[in-house]
Amino acid sequence: MKLTHWLNQTVIISRLTAVSGDKIAMTTVTACQGHLQPLDAERTGLIGGVYGKTYRIWVDTSVTIQDGDKLKDDDGNFYKVKKGGVTTRSFGSIDYKEILIEKTS
């Protein structure tokens, strides 16, 4: 069985890149399929007094994703990849990336 059987949501990955000189801007890197689930049913306090939810998304290992990247899902929700949140794992013959992300409101 492949990981693609569980991938049910499209996410767009954006990252800060140099535009010209010292200017940087968010640029769309790629879009990929993933499976998104909340880690907890309740909202938690994030840095700076902001409340949000922490989620976990699983994607294929071929997807290039880094700490600090921004994700946008099919419903228009935005998420940020947590520092140290990208982990490559395997389950039997299935290789995948598990990414911890935060959704703020």
Protein backbone atom coordinates (compact mmCIF):
# COMPACT_ATOMS: atom_id res chain seq x y z
CA MET A 1 0.00 0.00 0.00
CA LYS A 2 1.24 3.50 -0.78
CA LEU A 3 1.01 6.69 1.24
CA THR A 4 -1.05 8.27 -1.56
CA HIS A 5 -4.13 6.31 -0.39
CA TRP A 6 -4.33 8.59 2.67
CA LEU A 7 -3.49 11.92 1.04
CA ASN A 8 -6.82 13.73 0.89
CA GLN A 9 -6.04 17.44 0.94
CA THR A 10 -4.08 19.78 -1.32
CA VAL A 11 -1.76 22.30 0.34
CA ILE A 12 0.22 25.12 -1.24
CA ILE A 13 3.72 25.63 0.19
CA SER A 14 5.16 29.17 0.28
CA ARG A 15 8.51 30.36 1.58
CA LEU A 16 10.42 33.62 2.00
CA THR A 17 12.85 34.06 -0.91
CA ALA A 18 15.08 36.88 -2.13
CA VAL A 19 13.31 38.94 -4.79
CA SER A 20 16.00 41.50 -5.61
CA GLY A 21 18.84 42.89 -3.54
CA ASP A 22 17.76 42.95 0.10
CA LYS A 23 14.05 42.49 -0.64
CA ILE A 24 12.36 39.25 0.31
CA ALA A 25 8.81 38.07 -0.34
CA MET A 26 6.65 34.99 0.08
CA THR A 27 6.89 32.84 -3.03
CA THR A 28 4.89 29.73 -3.84
CA VAL A 29 7.26 26.77 -3.94
CA THR A 30 4.90 23.94 -4.84
CA ALA A 31 1.53 22.37 -4.20
CA CYS A 32 1.25 18.85 -2.84
CA GLN A 33 -1.19 16.31 -1.46
CA GLY A 34 -1.21 15.67 2.28
CA HIS A 35 -3.23 14.32 5.18
CA LEU A 36 -3.93 16.91 7.87
CA GLN A 37 -5.06 16.19 11.46
CA PRO A 38 -5.19 18.27 14.65
CA LEU A 39 -2.94 17.13 17.50
CA ASP A 40 -5.43 18.25 20.16
CA ALA A 41 -9.09 19.23 20.20
CA GLU A 42 -8.41 22.43 22.16
CA ARG A 43 -6.68 25.66 21.23
CA THR A 44 -3.35 26.31 22.90
CA GLY A 45 -1.34 29.41 23.68
CA LEU A 46 1.40 30.06 21.14
CA ILE A 47 4.26 32.56 21.33
CA GLY A 48 3.30 36.21 21.79
CA GLY A 49 -0.04 35.57 23.49
CA VAL A 50 -1.63 34.33 20.27
CA TYR A 51 -3.97 31.33 20.50
CA GLY A 52 -4.08 28.66 17.84
CA LYS A 53 -4.09 24.96 17.16
CA THR A 54 -1.24 22.62 16.43
CA TYR A 55 -1.71 20.19 13.56
CA ARG A 56 0.22 17.35 11.99
CA ILE A 57 0.41 16.85 8.22
CA TRP A 58 1.83 13.86 6.40
CA VAL A 59 3.27 14.23 2.89
CA ASP A 60 5.40 12.20 0.49
CA THR A 61 9.18 12.27 1.00
CA SER A 62 9.66 13.91 -2.41
CA VAL A 63 8.04 17.14 -1.12
CA THR A 64 10.55 19.86 -0.24
CA ILE A 65 9.39 21.57 2.95
CA GLN A 66 11.42 23.52 5.51
CA ASP A 67 11.00 25.06 8.95
CA GLY A 68 9.15 28.37 8.70
CA ASP A 69 7.34 27.57 5.43
CA LYS A 70 3.72 28.68 5.18
CA LEU A 71 0.98 26.31 4.04
CA LYS A 72 -2.49 27.08 2.69
CA ASP A 73 -5.10 24.31 2.52
CA ASP A 74 -8.19 23.79 0.32
CA ASP A 75 -10.37 25.69 2.81
CA GLY A 76 -8.14 28.79 2.79
CA ASN A 77 -6.61 28.16 6.22
CA PHE A 78 -3.00 29.20 6.77
CA TYR A 79 -0.42 27.26 8.77
CA LYS A 80 3.24 27.77 9.65
CA VAL A 81 5.76 24.90 9.90
CA LYS A 82 7.16 24.78 13.44
CA LYS A 83 10.89 25.00 14.02
CA GLY A 84 12.25 21.44 14.08
CA GLY A 85 8.85 20.16 12.95
CA VAL A 86 9.90 18.30 9.78
CA THR A 87 10.66 14.60 10.32
CA THR A 88 11.17 11.83 7.77
CA ARG A 89 9.69 8.53 8.94
CA SER A 90 8.83 5.10 7.62
CA PHE A 91 6.16 2.57 8.45
CA GLY A 92 6.97 -0.80 6.93
CA SER A 93 7.62 -0.08 3.25
CA ILE A 94 5.96 3.37 3.36
CA ASP A 95 8.29 6.38 3.61
CA TYR A 96 6.75 9.77 4.46
CA LYS A 97 7.38 13.15 6.08
CA GLU A 98 5.56 14.15 9.25
CA ILE A 99 5.34 17.91 9.73
CA LEU A 100 4.16 19.82 12.80
CA ILE A 101 2.32 23.02 11.86
CA GLU A 102 0.49 25.79 13.71
CA LYS A 103 -2.76 27.43 12.68
CA THR A 104 -3.30 30.81 14.32
CA SER A 105 -6.45 32.90 14.50
